[in-house]
Amino acid sequence: MEKVRFGIVGCGNMGSSHAKNFLAGKIQNGRITAVCDVNPIKFKYFEENFGDTIKYFTSAEEMFKSGECDVVMICTPHYDHPPLAILALDCGLNCI
């Protein structure tokens, strides 16, 4: 079975927490292929644990249109969820 490609929007506490599940092998048929945060300093955890095996974005729209992911995990503050989810869905992505 081909692995599902996940993108994470929001690289703070929640985004890093979800990424730990991938590192622990808890998402058997999934892999993180892209992350996005408006603050590139938040990429540090991902750079240390995933290095250059994933793509880094500071624009959610750019990540959604990149073709790097099949599913988007929105890990931003709750008030950002609706516009990000709508944008992801409009780009043909599944959204969590």
C-alpha atoms as a PDB file:
ATOM      1  CA  MET A   1       0.000   0.000   0.000  1.00  0.00           C
ATOM      2  CA  GLU A   2       1.267   3.443  -0.926  1.00  0.00           C
ATOM      3  CA  LYS A   3       1.822   5.802   2.007  1.00  0.00           C
ATOM      4  CA  VAL A   4      -0.494   8.774   2.441  1.00  0.00           C
ATOM      5  CA  ARG A   5       1.413  12.056   2.329  1.00  0.00           C
ATOM      6  CA  PHE A   6       0.580  14.416   5.215  1.00  0.00           C
ATOM      7  CA  GLY A   7       1.189  18.134   5.479  1.00  0.00           C
ATOM      8  CA  ILE A   8       1.047  19.903   8.834  1.00  0.00           C
ATOM      9  CA  VAL A   9      -0.023  23.543   9.094  1.00  0.00           C
ATOM     10  CA  GLY A  10       1.220  24.976  12.370  1.00  0.00           C
ATOM     11  CA  CYS A  11       4.544  23.772  13.745  1.00  0.00           C
ATOM     12  CA  GLY A  12       3.992  24.696  17.386  1.00  0.00           C
ATOM     13  CA  ASN A  13       2.924  22.405  20.224  1.00  0.00           C
ATOM     14  CA  MET A  14       0.107  20.584  18.414  1.00  0.00           C
ATOM     15  CA  GLY A  15       1.958  20.196  15.121  1.00  0.00           C
ATOM     16  CA  SER A  16       5.050  18.835  16.883  1.00  0.00           C
ATOM     17  CA  SER A  17       2.898  16.548  19.022  1.00  0.00           C
ATOM     18  CA  HIS A  18       1.245  15.010  15.966  1.00  0.00           C
ATOM     19  CA  ALA A  19       4.638  14.650  14.277  1.00  0.00           C
ATOM     20  CA  LYS A  20       5.840  12.547  17.223  1.00  0.00           C
ATOM     21  CA  ASN A  21       3.160   9.980  16.360  1.00  0.00           C
ATOM     22  CA  PHE A  22       4.635   9.646  12.877  1.00  0.00           C
ATOM     23  CA  LEU A  23       8.159   9.290  14.293  1.00  0.00           C
ATOM     24  CA  ALA A  24       6.918   6.606  16.707  1.00  0.00           C
ATOM     25  CA  GLY A  25       5.433   4.630  13.813  1.00  0.00           C
ATOM     26  CA  LYS A  26       1.853   5.068  15.007  1.00  0.00           C
ATOM     27  CA  ILE A  27       0.651   6.168  11.564  1.00  0.00           C
ATOM     28  CA  GLN A  28       1.545   3.039   9.622  1.00  0.00           C
ATOM     29  CA  ASN A  29       0.518   4.107   6.143  1.00  0.00           C
ATOM     30  CA  GLY A  30       1.336   7.784   6.460  1.00  0.00           C
ATOM     31  CA  ARG A  31       4.358  10.027   6.293  1.00  0.00           C
ATOM     32  CA  ILE A  32       4.924  13.729   6.747  1.00  0.00           C
ATOM     33  CA  THR A  33       6.026  15.316   3.488  1.00  0.00           C
ATOM     34  CA  ALA A  34       5.471  19.023   4.189  1.00  0.00           C
ATOM     35  CA  VAL A  35       5.040  21.486   7.038  1.00  0.00           C
ATOM     36  CA  CYS A  36       3.979  25.105   7.119  1.00  0.00           C
ATOM     37  CA  ASP A  37       4.237  27.896   9.649  1.00  0.00           C
ATOM     38  CA  VAL A  38       4.293  31.670   9.260  1.00  0.00           C
ATOM     39  CA  ASN A  39       7.215  31.706  11.704  1.00  0.00           C
ATOM     40  CA  PRO A  40      10.141  29.688  10.251  1.00  0.00           C
ATOM     41  CA  ILE A  41      11.760  29.508  13.702  1.00  0.00           C
ATOM     42  CA  LYS A  42       9.107  26.888  14.516  1.00  0.00           C
ATOM     43  CA  PHE A  43      10.622  24.577  11.881  1.00  0.00           C
ATOM     44  CA  LYS A  44      13.447  23.719  14.293  1.00  0.00           C
ATOM     45  CA  TYR A  45      11.800  20.579  15.731  1.00  0.00           C
ATOM     46  CA  PHE A  46      11.004  19.314  12.238  1.00  0.00           C
ATOM     47  CA  GLU A  47      14.466  20.107  10.900  1.00  0.00           C
ATOM     48  CA  GLU A  48      16.034  18.196  13.791  1.00  0.00           C
ATOM     49  CA  ASN A  49      13.784  15.155  13.342  1.00  0.00           C
ATOM     50  CA  PHE A  50      12.986  15.077   9.617  1.00  0.00           C
ATOM     51  CA  GLY A  51      15.806  17.119   8.081  1.00  0.00           C
ATOM     52  CA  ASP A  52      15.508  17.569   4.357  1.00  0.00           C
ATOM     53  CA  THR A  53      13.103  14.640   3.884  1.00  0.00           C
ATOM     54  CA  ILE A  54      10.187  17.105   4.030  1.00  0.00           C
ATOM     55  CA  LYS A  55       9.419  20.449   2.395  1.00  0.00           C
ATOM     56  CA  TYR A  56       9.072  23.645   4.430  1.00  0.00           C
ATOM     57  CA  PHE A  57       6.594  26.417   3.637  1.00  0.00           C
ATOM     58  CA  THR A  58       5.664  29.764   5.191  1.00  0.00           C
ATOM     59  CA  SER A  59       2.462  30.000   3.129  1.00  0.00           C
ATOM     60  CA  ALA A  60      -0.375  27.499   3.591  1.00  0.00           C
ATOM     61  CA  GLU A  61      -1.703  28.224   0.115  1.00  0.00           C
ATOM     62  CA  GLU A  62       1.718  27.536  -1.398  1.00  0.00           C
ATOM     63  CA  MET A  63       1.942  24.233   0.483  1.00  0.00           C
ATOM     64  CA  PHE A  64      -1.598  23.219  -0.509  1.00  0.00           C
ATOM     65  CA  LYS A  65      -0.875  23.905  -4.189  1.00  0.00           C
ATOM     66  CA  SER A  66       2.588  22.284  -4.148  1.00  0.00           C
ATOM     67  CA  GLY A  67       1.420  18.719  -4.746  1.00  0.00           C
ATOM     68  CA  GLU A  68       3.499  17.566  -1.756  1.00  0.00           C
ATOM     69  CA  CYS A  69       0.617  16.239   0.365  1.00  0.00           C
ATOM     70  CA  ASP A  70      -2.662  14.360   0.157  1.00  0.00           C
ATOM     71  CA  VAL A  71      -3.961  15.262   3.607  1.00  0.00           C
ATOM     72  CA  VAL A  72      -3.566  18.453   5.623  1.00  0.00           C
ATOM     73  CA  MET A  73      -3.505  18.468   9.424  1.00  0.00           C
ATOM     74  CA  ILE A  74      -4.468  21.920  10.676  1.00  0.00           C
ATOM     75  CA  CYS A  75      -2.640  22.548  13.942  1.00  0.00           C
ATOM     76  CA  THR A  76      -3.081  26.296  14.274  1.00  0.00           C
ATOM     77  CA  PRO A  77      -5.178  28.269  16.763  1.00  0.00           C
ATOM     78  CA  HIS A  78      -8.839  27.335  16.394  1.00  0.00           C
ATOM     79  CA  TYR A  79      -9.909  30.653  14.850  1.00  0.00           C
ATOM     80  CA  ASP A  80      -7.673  29.900  11.835  1.00  0.00           C
ATOM     81  CA  HIS A  81      -9.241  26.488  11.162  1.00  0.00           C
ATOM     82  CA  PRO A  82     -12.222  27.464   8.952  1.00  0.00           C
ATOM     83  CA  PRO A  83     -10.351  29.532   6.329  1.00  0.00           C
ATOM     84  CA  LEU A  84      -7.467  27.040   6.195  1.00  0.00           C
ATOM     85  CA  ALA A  85      -9.814  24.066   5.880  1.00  0.00           C
ATOM     86  CA  ILE A  86     -11.790  25.759   3.106  1.00  0.00           C
ATOM     87  CA  LEU A  87      -8.588  26.596   1.248  1.00  0.00           C
ATOM     88  CA  ALA A  88      -7.273  23.025   1.614  1.00  0.00           C
ATOM     89  CA  LEU A  89     -10.555  21.556   0.399  1.00  0.00           C
ATOM     90  CA  ASP A  90     -10.660  23.997  -2.524  1.00  0.00           C
ATOM     91  CA  CYS A  91      -7.188  22.727  -3.457  1.00  0.00           C
ATOM     92  CA  GLY A  92      -8.516  19.151  -3.533  1.00  0.00           C
ATOM     93  CA  LEU A  93      -6.889  18.006  -0.297  1.00  0.00           C
ATOM     94  CA  ASN A  94      -8.380  15.988   2.537  1.00  0.00           C
ATOM     95  CA  CYS A  95      -8.356  17.880   5.800  1.00  0.00           C
ATOM     96  CA  ILE A  96      -8.033  16.931   9.457  1.00  0.00           C
END
